[in-house]
Amino acid sequence: MSPSQAIRQAILQADAALLARHPWLGKDDALALGFFVGAWALAIGVGAGWLAGGLSAWLAVPLIALALSVLHELEHDLIHDTYLGGRPVLRFLVLAGIWLGKASLDPWSRGRIHRWHHVASGQADDIEERLIGLGLPWGPKRLLLTLLPMASGLVIPDLRRAGRARRKAGGRTADLRHPRWFHLVRAVDGLLTLLPLVALTGWAMGAAWAPALLVLSVLPNTLRHASIVFISSSSHYTDIPRGDLMVQNQVLDHPIFWPLQLFCWNFGATHILHHFVVQQPFWRRTLIWPRVKADLLAAGIRHNDLGSFARANRWADAG
């Protein structure tokens, strides 16, 4: 058995053991809807508390960001049809609700980009990770990509060149085509991307509505976005063989990253499990993580390779 197969088997066995002890954790549709309703209830409740003057912005922003991080995990699972597959209308409504909450790229476009990430992880044409800075040295450009979704335009020319090079070499490339009606969705994407600029401009001009937009949406989403982007782009590798699961991620669970991990469901530690077993709900991935960590490390997965920050995520040249 190869190391990759051993890791996959360990994950599946841990998942089966968890379900044997707690069968209710396998009620994926019901739990997903529960998380969705709970996340929105938390965000709305906290928002109402802040509007009523009962909560400070310093408390409201991180609490709303925690709720939004749940929506992000749900969106990710729905992209892989992990649940609600037999309920297309409900699935659409949940995705639309997530899109509204995250105020970012629509989940249908993100789905195409994310599924391609599993094909091209760490490559020059890995659109998803390169849009958030994978392979760039740390500096102003990568910092902007970490903080602002609109900054992704800075790397679009590089991605286009990578796509052309891939096609010229005869390789498979991402299919990002959409039907014509989808232009309306992309227009909404553009408006949502500009919300931080709108909120900051309004705040600078003293507009009465600006603080609410900042506290209820822009700042929580910036905190959530920056956390997942920093952790994701830091836990993935580049300059690696195409399709080799053993070198696509490291296990990044150093204590110094816990403040950020709180807002992305311990992504740095657990995301590697998703690369080996794609269709597993995020709550079970989180719960089995302590049971499979030793298997990952024993198989040779890198652990807290902090030198990758200086190497711009390159796998090679590790000390």
C-alpha atoms as a PDB file:
ATOM      1  CA  MET A   1       0.000   0.000   0.000  1.00  0.00           C
ATOM      2  CA  SER A   2       1.364   3.415  -0.974  1.00  0.00           C
ATOM      3  CA  PRO A   3       1.637   6.225   1.612  1.00  0.00           C
ATOM      4  CA  SER A   4      -1.202   8.052  -0.149  1.00  0.00           C
ATOM      5  CA  GLN A   5      -3.460   5.006   0.030  1.00  0.00           C
ATOM      6  CA  ALA A   6      -2.542   4.462   3.694  1.00  0.00           C
ATOM      7  CA  ILE A   7      -3.558   8.018   4.562  1.00  0.00           C
ATOM      8  CA  ARG A   8      -6.843   7.709   2.717  1.00  0.00           C
ATOM      9  CA  GLN A   9      -7.586   4.424   4.455  1.00  0.00           C
ATOM     10  CA  ALA A  10      -6.807   5.939   7.870  1.00  0.00           C
ATOM     11  CA  ILE A  11      -9.200   8.836   7.207  1.00  0.00           C
ATOM     12  CA  LEU A  12     -11.999   6.561   6.029  1.00  0.00           C
ATOM     13  CA  GLN A  13     -11.534   4.213   8.985  1.00  0.00           C
ATOM     14  CA  ALA A  14     -11.601   7.102  11.462  1.00  0.00           C
ATOM     15  CA  ASP A  15     -14.730   8.466   9.798  1.00  0.00           C
ATOM     16  CA  ALA A  16     -16.445   5.065   9.948  1.00  0.00           C
ATOM     17  CA  ALA A  17     -15.509   4.654  13.607  1.00  0.00           C
ATOM     18  CA  LEU A  18     -16.909   8.095  14.409  1.00  0.00           C
ATOM     19  CA  LEU A  19     -20.199   7.287  12.682  1.00  0.00           C
ATOM     20  CA  ALA A  20     -20.393   3.929  14.466  1.00  0.00           C
ATOM     21  CA  ARG A  21     -20.225   5.757  17.812  1.00  0.00           C
ATOM     22  CA  HIS A  22     -22.405   8.698  16.781  1.00  0.00           C
ATOM     23  CA  PRO A  23     -24.682   7.759  13.837  1.00  0.00           C
ATOM     24  CA  TRP A  24     -26.436  11.141  13.990  1.00  0.00           C
ATOM     25  CA  LEU A  25     -23.257  12.754  12.628  1.00  0.00           C
ATOM     26  CA  GLY A  26     -24.093  11.071   9.324  1.00  0.00           C
ATOM     27  CA  LYS A  27     -27.373  12.951   8.895  1.00  0.00           C
ATOM     28  CA  ASP A  28     -25.624  15.310   6.522  1.00  0.00           C
ATOM     29  CA  ASP A  29     -28.589  17.187   5.049  1.00  0.00           C
ATOM     30  CA  ALA A  30     -30.138  17.941   8.433  1.00  0.00           C
ATOM     31  CA  LEU A  31     -26.842  18.968  10.008  1.00  0.00           C
ATOM     32  CA  ALA A  32     -25.923  21.179   7.061  1.00  0.00           C
ATOM     33  CA  LEU A  33     -29.240  23.001   7.308  1.00  0.00           C
ATOM     34  CA  GLY A  34     -28.773  23.281  11.067  1.00  0.00           C
ATOM     35  CA  PHE A  35     -25.367  24.872  10.608  1.00  0.00           C
ATOM     36  CA  PHE A  36     -26.784  27.234   7.971  1.00  0.00           C
ATOM     37  CA  VAL A  37     -29.684  28.392  10.136  1.00  0.00           C
ATOM     38  CA  GLY A  38     -27.470  28.574  13.221  1.00  0.00           C
ATOM     39  CA  ALA A  39     -24.834  30.656  11.464  1.00  0.00           C
ATOM     40  CA  TRP A  40     -27.403  33.144  10.179  1.00  0.00           C
ATOM     41  CA  ALA A  41     -29.120  33.252  13.590  1.00  0.00           C
ATOM     42  CA  LEU A  42     -25.804  34.089  15.254  1.00  0.00           C
ATOM     43  CA  ALA A  43     -24.942  36.767  12.688  1.00  0.00           C
ATOM     44  CA  ILE A  44     -28.391  38.368  12.857  1.00  0.00           C
ATOM     45  CA  GLY A  45     -28.559  38.149  16.639  1.00  0.00           C
ATOM     46  CA  VAL A  46     -25.146  39.729  17.095  1.00  0.00           C
ATOM     47  CA  GLY A  47     -25.944  42.375  14.506  1.00  0.00           C
ATOM     48  CA  ALA A  48     -29.186  43.227  16.272  1.00  0.00           C
ATOM     49  CA  GLY A  49     -27.354  43.423  19.578  1.00  0.00           C
ATOM     50  CA  TRP A  50     -24.832  45.853  18.135  1.00  0.00           C
ATOM     51  CA  LEU A  51     -27.514  47.977  16.489  1.00  0.00           C
ATOM     52  CA  ALA A  52     -29.369  48.146  19.805  1.00  0.00           C
ATOM     53  CA  GLY A  53     -26.204  49.259  21.580  1.00  0.00           C
ATOM     54  CA  GLY A  54     -25.854  46.108  23.667  1.00  0.00           C
ATOM     55  CA  LEU A  55     -22.632  44.888  22.045  1.00  0.00           C
ATOM     56  CA  SER A  56     -19.447  46.691  21.145  1.00  0.00           C
ATOM     57  CA  ALA A  57     -18.092  46.539  17.623  1.00  0.00           C
ATOM     58  CA  TRP A  58     -14.967  44.845  19.013  1.00  0.00           C
ATOM     59  CA  LEU A  59     -17.121  41.894  20.061  1.00  0.00           C
ATOM     60  CA  ALA A  60     -19.659  41.981  17.231  1.00  0.00           C
ATOM     61  CA  VAL A  61     -17.126  41.814  14.404  1.00  0.00           C
ATOM     62  CA  PRO A  62     -15.350  38.584  15.475  1.00  0.00           C
ATOM     63  CA  LEU A  63     -18.627  36.886  16.429  1.00  0.00           C
ATOM     64  CA  ILE A  64     -20.140  37.640  13.024  1.00  0.00           C
ATOM     65  CA  ALA A  65     -16.887  36.484  11.395  1.00  0.00           C
ATOM     66  CA  LEU A  66     -17.227  33.146  13.210  1.00  0.00           C
ATOM     67  CA  ALA A  67     -20.748  32.754  11.809  1.00  0.00           C
ATOM     68  CA  LEU A  68     -19.526  33.607   8.310  1.00  0.00           C
ATOM     69  CA  SER A  69     -16.751  31.019   8.606  1.00  0.00           C
ATOM     70  CA  VAL A  70     -19.469  28.370   8.999  1.00  0.00           C
ATOM     71  CA  LEU A  71     -21.107  29.597   5.795  1.00  0.00           C
ATOM     72  CA  HIS A  72     -17.755  29.286   4.028  1.00  0.00           C
ATOM     73  CA  GLU A  73     -17.398  25.654   5.110  1.00  0.00           C
ATOM     74  CA  LEU A  74     -20.933  24.861   3.986  1.00  0.00           C
ATOM     75  CA  GLU A  75     -20.260  26.463   0.604  1.00  0.00           C
ATOM     76  CA  HIS A  76     -17.129  24.383   0.195  1.00  0.00           C
ATOM     77  CA  ASP A  77     -18.957  21.125   0.924  1.00  0.00           C
ATOM     78  CA  LEU A  78     -21.831  22.055  -1.385  1.00  0.00           C
ATOM     79  CA  ILE A  79     -19.341  22.716  -4.179  1.00  0.00           C
ATOM     80  CA  HIS A  80     -18.446  19.025  -3.902  1.00  0.00           C
ATOM     81  CA  ASP A  81     -22.122  17.949  -3.619  1.00  0.00           C
ATOM     82  CA  THR A  82     -21.440  16.504  -0.178  1.00  0.00           C
ATOM     83  CA  TYR A  83     -25.058  17.058   0.844  1.00  0.00           C
ATOM     84  CA  LEU A  84     -28.398  18.418  -0.411  1.00  0.00           C
ATOM     85  CA  GLY A  85     -27.666  16.762  -3.747  1.00  0.00           C
ATOM     86  CA  GLY A  86     -31.227  15.460  -4.028  1.00  0.00           C
ATOM     87  CA  ARG A  87     -32.769  18.833  -3.177  1.00  0.00           C
ATOM     88  CA  PRO A  88     -31.682  21.209  -5.948  1.00  0.00           C
ATOM     89  CA  VAL A  89     -34.010  24.086  -5.032  1.00  0.00           C
ATOM     90  CA  LEU A  90     -32.992  24.000  -1.377  1.00  0.00           C
ATOM     91  CA  ARG A  91     -29.337  23.688  -2.376  1.00  0.00           C
ATOM     92  CA  PHE A  92     -29.678  26.770  -4.587  1.00  0.00           C
ATOM     93  CA  LEU A  93     -31.320  28.783  -1.809  1.00  0.00           C
ATOM     94  CA  VAL A  94     -28.625  27.819   0.688  1.00  0.00           C
ATOM     95  CA  LEU A  95     -25.883  28.773  -1.765  1.00  0.00           C
ATOM     96  CA  ALA A  96     -27.611  32.093  -2.442  1.00  0.00           C
ATOM     97  CA  GLY A  97     -27.825  32.736   1.303  1.00  0.00           C
ATOM     98  CA  ILE A  98     -24.129  31.963   1.673  1.00  0.00           C
ATOM     99  CA  TRP A  99     -23.292  34.298  -1.212  1.00  0.00           C
ATOM    100  CA  LEU A 100     -25.251  37.095   0.459  1.00  0.00           C
ATOM    101  CA  GLY A 101     -23.530  36.524   3.793  1.00  0.00           C
ATOM    102  CA  LYS A 102     -19.983  36.249   2.469  1.00  0.00           C
ATOM    103  CA  ALA A 103     -20.440  39.145   0.017  1.00  0.00           C
ATOM    104  CA  SER A 104     -17.771  37.683  -2.255  1.00  0.00           C
ATOM    105  CA  LEU A 105     -17.376  35.668  -5.439  1.00  0.00           C
ATOM    106  CA  ASP A 106     -20.540  33.743  -6.215  1.00  0.00           C
ATOM    107  CA  PRO A 107     -20.441  30.061  -5.180  1.00  0.00           C
ATOM    108  CA  TRP A 108     -21.038  28.780  -8.732  1.00  0.00           C
ATOM    109  CA  SER A 109     -17.932  30.491 -10.109  1.00  0.00           C
ATOM    110  CA  ARG A 110     -15.970  29.561  -7.015  1.00  0.00           C
ATOM    111  CA  GLY A 111     -17.103  25.972  -7.468  1.00  0.00           C
ATOM    112  CA  ARG A 112     -15.507  25.735 -10.913  1.00  0.00           C
ATOM    113  CA  ILE A 113     -12.309  27.288  -9.625  1.00  0.00           C
ATOM    114  CA  HIS A 114     -12.155  25.089  -6.529  1.00  0.00           C
ATOM    115  CA  ARG A 115     -12.803  21.833  -8.351  1.00  0.00           C
ATOM    116  CA  TRP A 116      -9.999  22.778 -10.733  1.00  0.00           C
ATOM    117  CA  HIS A 117      -7.761  23.318  -7.706  1.00  0.00           C
ATOM    118  CA  HIS A 118      -8.018  19.594  -6.978  1.00  0.00           C
ATOM    119  CA  VAL A 119      -6.742  18.911 -10.507  1.00  0.00           C
ATOM    120  CA  ALA A 120      -3.973  21.516 -10.561  1.00  0.00           C
ATOM    121  CA  SER A 121      -3.049  22.003  -6.907  1.00  0.00           C
ATOM    122  CA  GLY A 122       0.237  23.881  -6.574  1.00  0.00           C
ATOM    123  CA  GLN A 123       0.684  24.377 -10.318  1.00  0.00           C
ATOM    124  CA  ALA A 124       1.058  27.634 -12.226  1.00  0.00           C
ATOM    125  CA  ASP A 125      -2.563  27.218 -13.372  1.00  0.00           C
ATOM    126  CA  ASP A 126      -3.966  26.562  -9.890  1.00  0.00           C
ATOM    127  CA  ILE A 127      -6.353  29.505 -10.195  1.00  0.00           C
ATOM    128  CA  GLU A 128      -7.827  29.348  -6.699  1.00  0.00           C
ATOM    129  CA  GLU A 129      -4.581  29.350  -4.755  1.00  0.00           C
ATOM    130  CA  ARG A 130      -2.720  31.753  -7.017  1.00  0.00           C
ATOM    131  CA  LEU A 131      -5.576  34.253  -6.678  1.00  0.00           C
ATOM    132  CA  ILE A 132      -4.806  34.360  -2.955  1.00  0.00           C
ATOM    133  CA  GLY A 133      -1.037  34.582  -3.266  1.00  0.00           C
ATOM    134  CA  LEU A 134       0.363  31.052  -3.459  1.00  0.00           C
ATOM    135  CA  GLY A 135       3.925  31.186  -4.775  1.00  0.00           C
ATOM    136  CA  LEU A 136       4.407  34.919  -4.227  1.00  0.00           C
ATOM    137  CA  PRO A 137       7.038  36.221  -1.798  1.00  0.00           C
ATOM    138  CA  TRP A 138       5.613  38.026   1.198  1.00  0.00           C
ATOM    139  CA  GLY A 139       5.374  41.740   0.471  1.00  0.00           C
ATOM    140  CA  PRO A 140       2.819  44.420  -0.406  1.00  0.00           C
ATOM    141  CA  LYS A 141       1.294  42.444  -3.297  1.00  0.00           C
ATOM    142  CA  ARG A 142       0.650  39.307  -1.274  1.00  0.00           C
ATOM    143  CA  LEU A 143      -0.576  41.357   1.678  1.00  0.00           C
ATOM    144  CA  LEU A 144      -3.161  43.037  -0.560  1.00  0.00           C
ATOM    145  CA  LEU A 145      -4.281  39.638  -1.869  1.00  0.00           C
ATOM    146  CA  THR A 146      -4.687  38.466   1.709  1.00  0.00           C
ATOM    147  CA  LEU A 147      -6.795  41.413   2.822  1.00  0.00           C
ATOM    148  CA  LEU A 148      -8.872  42.372  -0.213  1.00  0.00           C
ATOM    149  CA  PRO A 149     -10.666  40.067  -2.684  1.00  0.00           C
ATOM    150  CA  MET A 150     -10.617  42.877  -5.263  1.00  0.00           C
ATOM    151  CA  ALA A 151      -6.809  42.691  -5.275  1.00  0.00           C
ATOM    152  CA  SER A 152      -6.999  39.356  -7.125  1.00  0.00           C
ATOM    153  CA  GLY A 153      -6.845  41.339 -10.346  1.00  0.00           C
ATOM    154  CA  LEU A 154      -3.132  41.767  -9.667  1.00  0.00           C
ATOM    155  CA  VAL A 155      -2.447  38.131 -10.567  1.00  0.00           C
ATOM    156  CA  ILE A 156      -4.959  37.671 -13.420  1.00  0.00           C
ATOM    157  CA  PRO A 157      -2.305  38.397 -16.125  1.00  0.00           C
ATOM    158  CA  ASP A 158      -0.039  35.704 -14.655  1.00  0.00           C
ATOM    159  CA  LEU A 159      -2.890  33.201 -14.617  1.00  0.00           C
ATOM    160  CA  ARG A 160      -3.732  33.941 -18.242  1.00  0.00           C
ATOM    161  CA  ARG A 161      -0.125  33.341 -19.237  1.00  0.00           C
ATOM    162  CA  ALA A 162      -0.106  30.074 -17.306  1.00  0.00           C
ATOM    163  CA  GLY A 163      -3.307  28.963 -19.058  1.00  0.00           C
ATOM    164  CA  ARG A 164      -1.893  29.789 -22.486  1.00  0.00           C
ATOM    165  CA  ALA A 165       1.307  27.917 -21.706  1.00  0.00           C
ATOM    166  CA  ARG A 166      -0.675  24.901 -20.538  1.00  0.00           C
ATOM    167  CA  ARG A 167      -2.799  24.866 -23.702  1.00  0.00           C
ATOM    168  CA  LYS A 168       0.276  25.283 -25.882  1.00  0.00           C
ATOM    169  CA  ALA A 169       1.794  22.242 -24.209  1.00  0.00           C
ATOM    170  CA  GLY A 170      -1.351  20.256 -24.974  1.00  0.00           C
ATOM    171  CA  GLY A 171      -2.473  19.941 -21.377  1.00  0.00           C
ATOM    172  CA  ARG A 172      -5.965  20.108 -19.955  1.00  0.00           C
ATOM    173  CA  THR A 173      -7.058  23.548 -18.754  1.00  0.00           C
ATOM    174  CA  ALA A 174      -9.831  24.849 -16.527  1.00  0.00           C
ATOM    175  CA  ASP A 175     -13.272  25.251 -18.094  1.00  0.00           C
ATOM    176  CA  LEU A 176     -14.581  28.553 -16.748  1.00  0.00           C
ATOM    177  CA  ARG A 177     -17.269  29.146 -19.362  1.00  0.00           C
ATOM    178  CA  HIS A 178     -20.697  30.259 -18.173  1.00  0.00           C
ATOM    179  CA  PRO A 179     -24.079  30.668 -19.914  1.00  0.00           C
ATOM    180  CA  ARG A 180     -24.905  34.179 -21.080  1.00  0.00           C
ATOM    181  CA  TRP A 181     -27.433  34.824 -18.326  1.00  0.00           C
ATOM    182  CA  PHE A 182     -24.620  34.389 -15.821  1.00  0.00           C
ATOM    183  CA  HIS A 183     -23.372  37.890 -16.629  1.00  0.00           C
ATOM    184  CA  LEU A 184     -25.973  39.168 -14.151  1.00  0.00           C
ATOM    185  CA  VAL A 185     -24.405  37.068 -11.416  1.00  0.00           C
ATOM    186  CA  ARG A 186     -20.964  38.389 -12.276  1.00  0.00           C
ATOM    187  CA  ALA A 187     -22.290  41.951 -12.129  1.00  0.00           C
ATOM    188  CA  VAL A 188     -23.496  41.308  -8.580  1.00  0.00           C
ATOM    189  CA  ASP A 189     -20.078  39.820  -7.814  1.00  0.00           C
ATOM    190  CA  GLY A 190     -18.502  43.100  -8.891  1.00  0.00           C
ATOM    191  CA  LEU A 191     -20.783  45.133  -6.657  1.00  0.00           C
ATOM    192  CA  LEU A 192     -20.126  42.890  -3.651  1.00  0.00           C
ATOM    193  CA  THR A 193     -16.376  43.093  -4.221  1.00  0.00           C
ATOM    194  CA  LEU A 194     -16.586  46.885  -4.053  1.00  0.00           C
ATOM    195  CA  LEU A 195     -18.395  46.923  -0.692  1.00  0.00           C
ATOM    196  CA  PRO A 196     -15.201  47.610   1.335  1.00  0.00           C
ATOM    197  CA  LEU A 197     -14.422  50.613  -0.847  1.00  0.00           C
ATOM    198  CA  VAL A 198     -18.019  51.849  -0.591  1.00  0.00           C
ATOM    199  CA  ALA A 199     -18.075  51.427   3.190  1.00  0.00           C
ATOM    200  CA  LEU A 200     -14.730  53.147   3.748  1.00  0.00           C
ATOM    201  CA  THR A 201     -15.666  56.018   1.439  1.00  0.00           C
ATOM    202  CA  GLY A 202     -18.986  56.458   3.231  1.00  0.00           C
ATOM    203  CA  TRP A 203     -17.304  56.327   6.629  1.00  0.00           C
ATOM    204  CA  ALA A 204     -14.730  58.937   5.571  1.00  0.00           C
ATOM    205  CA  MET A 205     -17.568  61.192   4.388  1.00  0.00           C
ATOM    206  CA  GLY A 206     -19.505  60.736   7.621  1.00  0.00           C
ATOM    207  CA  ALA A 207     -22.419  58.830   6.073  1.00  0.00           C
ATOM    208  CA  ALA A 208     -24.822  57.489   8.717  1.00  0.00           C
ATOM    209  CA  TRP A 209     -25.126  54.074   7.053  1.00  0.00           C
ATOM    210  CA  ALA A 210     -21.376  53.411   6.758  1.00  0.00           C
ATOM    211  CA  PRO A 211     -20.668  52.156  10.315  1.00  0.00           C
ATOM    212  CA  ALA A 212     -23.425  49.555  10.001  1.00  0.00           C
ATOM    213  CA  LEU A 213     -22.064  48.292   6.673  1.00  0.00           C
ATOM    214  CA  LEU A 214     -18.578  48.113   8.144  1.00  0.00           C
ATOM    215  CA  VAL A 215     -19.502  46.311  11.375  1.00  0.00           C
ATOM    216  CA  LEU A 216     -22.171  43.984  10.010  1.00  0.00           C
ATOM    217  CA  SER A 217     -20.482  42.902   6.766  1.00  0.00           C
ATOM    218  CA  VAL A 218     -17.202  44.431   5.625  1.00  0.00           C
ATOM    219  CA  LEU A 219     -15.063  44.025   8.752  1.00  0.00           C
ATOM    220  CA  PRO A 220     -16.305  40.507   9.669  1.00  0.00           C
ATOM    221  CA  ASN A 221     -15.817  39.347   6.098  1.00  0.00           C
ATOM    222  CA  THR A 222     -12.363  40.939   5.937  1.00  0.00           C
ATOM    223  CA  LEU A 223     -11.385  39.093   9.124  1.00  0.00           C
ATOM    224  CA  ARG A 224     -12.810  35.817   7.819  1.00  0.00           C
ATOM    225  CA  HIS A 225     -11.307  36.272   4.356  1.00  0.00           C
ATOM    226  CA  ALA A 226      -7.855  37.258   5.610  1.00  0.00           C
ATOM    227  CA  SER A 227      -7.771  34.292   7.995  1.00  0.00           C
ATOM    228  CA  ILE A 228      -8.668  31.649   5.419  1.00  0.00           C
ATOM    229  CA  VAL A 229      -6.451  33.213   2.744  1.00  0.00           C
ATOM    230  CA  PHE A 230      -3.396  33.436   4.982  1.00  0.00           C
ATOM    231  CA  ILE A 231      -3.798  29.899   6.314  1.00  0.00           C
ATOM    232  CA  SER A 232      -4.742  28.324   2.971  1.00  0.00           C
ATOM    233  CA  SER A 233      -1.997  29.962   0.932  1.00  0.00           C
ATOM    234  CA  SER A 234       0.513  29.081   3.663  1.00  0.00           C
ATOM    235  CA  SER A 235      -0.469  25.421   4.008  1.00  0.00           C
ATOM    236  CA  HIS A 236      -0.299  24.643   0.274  1.00  0.00           C
ATOM    237  CA  TYR A 237       2.888  24.080  -1.718  1.00  0.00           C
ATOM    238  CA  THR A 238       3.946  25.061  -5.213  1.00  0.00           C
ATOM    239  CA  ASP A 239       6.657  23.804  -7.573  1.00  0.00           C
ATOM    240  CA  ILE A 240       5.457  20.231  -7.058  1.00  0.00           C
ATOM    241  CA  PRO A 241       4.634  17.276  -9.349  1.00  0.00           C
ATOM    242  CA  ARG A 242       1.140  17.528 -10.776  1.00  0.00           C
ATOM    243  CA  GLY A 243      -1.365  15.308  -9.004  1.00  0.00           C
ATOM    244  CA  ASP A 244       0.915  14.133  -6.165  1.00  0.00           C
ATOM    245  CA  LEU A 245      -1.245  14.316  -3.026  1.00  0.00           C
ATOM    246  CA  MET A 246       1.738  13.758  -0.736  1.00  0.00           C
ATOM    247  CA  VAL A 247       3.264  17.151  -1.500  1.00  0.00           C
ATOM    248  CA  GLN A 248       0.235  19.398  -2.015  1.00  0.00           C
ATOM    249  CA  ASN A 249      -0.154  20.413   1.642  1.00  0.00           C
ATOM    250  CA  GLN A 250       1.582  20.558   4.927  1.00  0.00           C
ATOM    251  CA  VAL A 251      -0.010  20.157   8.352  1.00  0.00           C
ATOM    252  CA  LEU A 252       0.023  23.702   9.712  1.00  0.00           C
ATOM    253  CA  ASP A 253      -1.137  23.673  13.333  1.00  0.00           C
ATOM    254  CA  HIS A 254       1.510  25.750  15.108  1.00  0.00           C
ATOM    255  CA  PRO A 255       0.033  27.562  18.141  1.00  0.00           C
ATOM    256  CA  ILE A 256       0.968  30.989  16.757  1.00  0.00           C
ATOM    257  CA  PHE A 257      -1.695  30.563  14.060  1.00  0.00           C
ATOM    258  CA  TRP A 258      -4.603  29.745  16.369  1.00  0.00           C
ATOM    259  CA  PRO A 259      -6.099  33.263  16.311  1.00  0.00           C
ATOM    260  CA  LEU A 260      -6.499  32.890  12.544  1.00  0.00           C
ATOM    261  CA  GLN A 261      -7.463  29.209  12.648  1.00  0.00           C
ATOM    262  CA  LEU A 262     -10.482  30.144  14.788  1.00  0.00           C
ATOM    263  CA  PHE A 263     -12.002  31.951  11.813  1.00  0.00           C
ATOM    264  CA  CYS A 264     -11.416  29.161   9.271  1.00  0.00           C
ATOM    265  CA  TRP A 265     -12.231  25.963  11.175  1.00  0.00           C
ATOM    266  CA  ASN A 266      -8.615  24.943  11.853  1.00  0.00           C
ATOM    267  CA  PHE A 267      -8.047  24.861   8.096  1.00  0.00           C
ATOM    268  CA  GLY A 268      -4.258  24.640   8.276  1.00  0.00           C
ATOM    269  CA  ALA A 269      -4.404  21.394  10.218  1.00  0.00           C
ATOM    270  CA  THR A 270      -7.365  19.694   8.598  1.00  0.00           C
ATOM    271  CA  HIS A 271      -7.446  20.770   4.952  1.00  0.00           C
ATOM    272  CA  ILE A 272      -5.009  18.085   3.901  1.00  0.00           C
ATOM    273  CA  LEU A 273      -7.634  15.488   4.855  1.00  0.00           C
ATOM    274  CA  HIS A 274      -9.935  17.006   2.247  1.00  0.00           C
ATOM    275  CA  HIS A 275      -7.324  16.488  -0.484  1.00  0.00           C
ATOM    276  CA  PHE A 276      -7.291  12.754   0.296  1.00  0.00           C
ATOM    277  CA  VAL A 277     -11.034  12.311   0.941  1.00  0.00           C
ATOM    278  CA  VAL A 278     -12.917  15.023  -0.914  1.00  0.00           C
ATOM    279  CA  GLN A 279     -16.548  14.323   0.002  1.00  0.00           C
ATOM    280  CA  GLN A 280     -16.457  14.447   3.774  1.00  0.00           C
ATOM    281  CA  PRO A 281     -18.502  17.020   5.744  1.00  0.00           C
ATOM    282  CA  PHE A 282     -16.407  19.644   7.459  1.00  0.00           C
ATOM    283  CA  TRP A 283     -17.693  18.748  10.935  1.00  0.00           C
ATOM    284  CA  ARG A 284     -16.541  15.121  10.629  1.00  0.00           C
ATOM    285  CA  ARG A 285     -13.206  16.197   9.162  1.00  0.00           C
ATOM    286  CA  THR A 286     -12.751  18.414  12.200  1.00  0.00           C
ATOM    287  CA  LEU A 287     -13.705  15.678  14.665  1.00  0.00           C
ATOM    288  CA  ILE A 288     -11.494  12.913  13.243  1.00  0.00           C
ATOM    289  CA  TRP A 289      -8.459  15.151  12.840  1.00  0.00           C
ATOM    290  CA  PRO A 290      -6.821  14.213  16.207  1.00  0.00           C
ATOM    291  CA  ARG A 291      -7.120  10.514  15.319  1.00  0.00           C
ATOM    292  CA  VAL A 292      -5.368  10.720  11.952  1.00  0.00           C
ATOM    293  CA  LYS A 293      -2.661  13.328  12.555  1.00  0.00           C
ATOM    294  CA  ALA A 294      -0.115  10.668  13.548  1.00  0.00           C
ATOM    295  CA  ASP A 295      -0.866   8.699  10.367  1.00  0.00           C
ATOM    296  CA  LEU A 296      -0.226  11.781   8.231  1.00  0.00           C
ATOM    297  CA  LEU A 297       3.090  12.545   9.863  1.00  0.00           C
ATOM    298  CA  ALA A 298       4.184   8.886   9.814  1.00  0.00           C
ATOM    299  CA  ALA A 299       3.523   8.827   6.055  1.00  0.00           C
ATOM    300  CA  GLY A 300       5.885  11.779   5.545  1.00  0.00           C
ATOM    301  CA  ILE A 301       3.561  14.777   5.366  1.00  0.00           C
ATOM    302  CA  ARG A 302       5.418  17.911   6.418  1.00  0.00           C
ATOM    303  CA  HIS A 303       4.469  19.456   9.734  1.00  0.00           C
ATOM    304  CA  ASN A 304       4.741  23.162  10.598  1.00  0.00           C
ATOM    305  CA  ASP A 305       7.244  23.846   7.840  1.00  0.00           C
ATOM    306  CA  LEU A 306       7.550  27.524   8.739  1.00  0.00           C
ATOM    307  CA  GLY A 307      10.465  27.878   6.331  1.00  0.00           C
ATOM    308  CA  SER A 308       7.913  27.784   3.516  1.00  0.00           C
ATOM    309  CA  PHE A 309       7.092  31.423   4.308  1.00  0.00           C
ATOM    310  CA  ALA A 310      10.581  32.444   3.248  1.00  0.00           C
ATOM    311  CA  ARG A 311      10.522  30.055   0.250  1.00  0.00           C
ATOM    312  CA  ALA A 312       7.260  31.478  -1.152  1.00  0.00           C
ATOM    313  CA  ASN A 313       5.570  28.066  -0.658  1.00  0.00           C
ATOM    314  CA  ARG A 314       8.104  26.118  -2.716  1.00  0.00           C
ATOM    315  CA  TRP A 315       8.336  22.472  -1.726  1.00  0.00           C
ATOM    316  CA  ALA A 316      12.005  22.241  -2.689  1.00  0.00           C
ATOM    317  CA  ASP A 317      14.924  23.752  -0.781  1.00  0.00           C
ATOM    318  CA  ALA A 318      13.452  22.968   2.623  1.00  0.00           C
ATOM    319  CA  GLY A 319      15.987  22.998   5.386  1.00  0.00           C
END
